[in-house]
Each structure stands twice: as structure tokens, then as C-alpha cells.
């Protein structure tokens, strides 16, 4: 996800900011949804170790969420 923010980043120092690439703008959301669906699938499949699968999935989603925040700032050109 961070690679998408690096490749299609907008320059925040330019006076005239362009529009972000349509594909790049929707990719972080799509990756988060795909990761959530795969996490649910693997939690369902791990009988006996579902607590472990749920904890790993939650940690991965937490990191992916913050990577998405950084990627969104890079794609829009507006930093905190």
C-alpha cells in the first residue's frame, strides 16, 4: 500500500495540485477490504487456533489502516 503512495504521490509544494489518479485513489480501500475478507476466511479455517488467527488479523488490519492513512495523504498532497 505504501508503494502506491510513493509511485503516484502528488507534490505538496506545487501551487497547482493535480487530481490523484483514479486507480491509485481507490486501491488503498480495495486492499483494506480484501485483507479484511481474507482475515475472516483464515479465522474461519483455523479451527482450534481462531484466537491466534483473530489476533494476527487484527494486528495486520491495524498496520494496514495506518499505512492507508499515509498513502491517502501522499495521493492527495495534503499532509497533516
C-alpha atoms as a PDB file:
ATOM      1  CA  UNK A   1       0.000   0.000   0.000  1.00  0.00           C
ATOM      2  CA  UNK A   2       2.840   2.387   0.770  1.00  0.00           C
ATOM      3  CA  UNK A   3       4.359   1.673  -2.653  1.00  0.00           C
ATOM      4  CA  UNK A   4       1.189   3.008  -4.274  1.00  0.00           C
ATOM      5  CA  UNK A   5       1.581   6.209  -2.272  1.00  0.00           C
ATOM      6  CA  UNK A   6       5.193   6.528  -3.393  1.00  0.00           C
ATOM      7  CA  UNK A   7       4.535   5.874  -7.076  1.00  0.00           C
ATOM      8  CA  UNK A   8       1.506   8.152  -7.506  1.00  0.00           C
ATOM      9  CA  UNK A   9       2.293  10.810  -4.885  1.00  0.00           C
ATOM     10  CA  UNK A  10       1.381  14.407  -5.632  1.00  0.00           C
ATOM     11  CA  UNK A  11       3.922  17.138  -4.988  1.00  0.00           C
ATOM     12  CA  UNK A  12       2.681  19.180  -1.992  1.00  0.00           C
ATOM     13  CA  UNK A  13       4.987  22.106  -2.799  1.00  0.00           C
ATOM     14  CA  UNK A  14       3.430  22.829  -6.189  1.00  0.00           C
ATOM     15  CA  UNK A  15       0.964  25.713  -6.288  1.00  0.00           C
ATOM     16  CA  UNK A  16      -1.420  23.913  -8.609  1.00  0.00           C
ATOM     17  CA  UNK A  17      -2.167  20.428  -7.338  1.00  0.00           C
ATOM     18  CA  UNK A  18      -3.447  17.928  -9.824  1.00  0.00           C
ATOM     19  CA  UNK A  19      -6.131  15.341  -9.258  1.00  0.00           C
ATOM     20  CA  UNK A  20      -4.973  11.983  -7.903  1.00  0.00           C
ATOM     21  CA  UNK A  21      -5.016   9.004 -10.214  1.00  0.00           C
ATOM     22  CA  UNK A  22      -8.427   7.261 -10.038  1.00  0.00           C
ATOM     23  CA  UNK A  23      -6.895   3.786  -9.726  1.00  0.00           C
ATOM     24  CA  UNK A  24      -4.465   4.928  -7.056  1.00  0.00           C
ATOM     25  CA  UNK A  25      -7.197   6.679  -5.051  1.00  0.00           C
ATOM     26  CA  UNK A  26      -9.351   3.549  -4.751  1.00  0.00           C
ATOM     27  CA  UNK A  27      -6.585   0.974  -4.327  1.00  0.00           C
ATOM     28  CA  UNK A  28      -5.960   1.537  -0.555  1.00  0.00           C
ATOM     29  CA  UNK A  29      -9.657   0.979   0.173  1.00  0.00           C
ATOM     30  CA  UNK A  30      -9.722  -2.116  -2.008  1.00  0.00           C
ATOM     31  CA  UNK A  31      -6.648  -3.569  -0.331  1.00  0.00           C
ATOM     32  CA  UNK A  32      -8.156  -2.982   3.104  1.00  0.00           C
ATOM     33  CA  UNK A  33     -11.390  -4.737   2.092  1.00  0.00           C
ATOM     34  CA  UNK A  34      -9.527  -7.672   0.529  1.00  0.00           C
ATOM     35  CA  UNK A  35      -7.380  -8.011   3.651  1.00  0.00           C
ATOM     36  CA  UNK A  36     -10.487  -7.991   5.853  1.00  0.00           C
ATOM     37  CA  UNK A  37     -12.171 -10.689   3.752  1.00  0.00           C
ATOM     38  CA  UNK A  38      -9.046 -12.856   3.754  1.00  0.00           C
ATOM     39  CA  UNK A  39      -8.689 -12.393   7.507  1.00  0.00           C
ATOM     40  CA  UNK A  40     -12.261 -13.568   8.074  1.00  0.00           C
ATOM     41  CA  UNK A  41     -11.641 -16.543   5.804  1.00  0.00           C
ATOM     42  CA  UNK A  42      -8.479 -17.597   7.645  1.00  0.00           C
ATOM     43  CA  UNK A  43     -10.101 -17.144  11.050  1.00  0.00           C
ATOM     44  CA  UNK A  44     -12.917 -19.430   9.885  1.00  0.00           C
ATOM     45  CA  UNK A  45     -10.448 -22.030   8.605  1.00  0.00           C
ATOM     46  CA  UNK A  46      -8.232 -22.131  11.733  1.00  0.00           C
ATOM     47  CA  UNK A  47     -10.313 -24.361  13.985  1.00  0.00           C
ATOM     48  CA  UNK A  48      -8.705 -24.613  17.409  1.00  0.00           C
ATOM     49  CA  UNK A  49      -6.466 -21.589  16.851  1.00  0.00           C
ATOM     50  CA  UNK A  50      -9.058 -18.976  15.994  1.00  0.00           C
ATOM     51  CA  UNK A  51      -7.876 -16.678  18.773  1.00  0.00           C
ATOM     52  CA  UNK A  52      -4.408 -16.666  17.215  1.00  0.00           C
ATOM     53  CA  UNK A  53      -5.789 -16.033  13.714  1.00  0.00           C
ATOM     54  CA  UNK A  54      -8.019 -13.243  15.006  1.00  0.00           C
ATOM     55  CA  UNK A  55      -5.150 -11.533  16.817  1.00  0.00           C
ATOM     56  CA  UNK A  56      -2.833 -11.727  13.800  1.00  0.00           C
ATOM     57  CA  UNK A  57      -5.617 -10.440  11.542  1.00  0.00           C
ATOM     58  CA  UNK A  58      -6.366  -7.518  13.854  1.00  0.00           C
ATOM     59  CA  UNK A  59      -2.703  -6.527  14.058  1.00  0.00           C
ATOM     60  CA  UNK A  60      -2.381  -6.725  10.265  1.00  0.00           C
ATOM     61  CA  UNK A  61      -5.532  -4.636   9.750  1.00  0.00           C
ATOM     62  CA  UNK A  62      -4.301  -2.057  12.273  1.00  0.00           C
ATOM     63  CA  UNK A  63      -0.998  -1.630  10.413  1.00  0.00           C
ATOM     64  CA  UNK A  64      -2.766  -1.611   7.057  1.00  0.00           C
ATOM     65  CA  UNK A  65      -5.145   1.105   8.265  1.00  0.00           C
ATOM     66  CA  UNK A  66      -2.294   3.435   9.219  1.00  0.00           C
ATOM     67  CA  UNK A  67      -0.422   2.655   6.003  1.00  0.00           C
ATOM     68  CA  UNK A  68      -3.624   3.623   4.186  1.00  0.00           C
ATOM     69  CA  UNK A  69      -3.723   6.937   6.041  1.00  0.00           C
ATOM     70  CA  UNK A  70      -0.174   7.749   4.957  1.00  0.00           C
ATOM     71  CA  UNK A  71      -0.924   6.611   1.401  1.00  0.00           C
ATOM     72  CA  UNK A  72      -4.049   8.780   1.230  1.00  0.00           C
ATOM     73  CA  UNK A  73      -2.082  11.818   2.372  1.00  0.00           C
ATOM     74  CA  UNK A  74       0.556  11.153  -0.293  1.00  0.00           C
ATOM     75  CA  UNK A  75      -2.062  10.696  -3.023  1.00  0.00           C
ATOM     76  CA  UNK A  76      -3.989  13.843  -2.134  1.00  0.00           C
ATOM     77  CA  UNK A  77      -0.962  16.043  -1.459  1.00  0.00           C
ATOM     78  CA  UNK A  78      -2.406  17.261   1.840  1.00  0.00           C
ATOM     79  CA  UNK A  79      -0.217  16.301   4.784  1.00  0.00           C
ATOM     80  CA  UNK A  80      -1.007  16.792   8.459  1.00  0.00           C
END
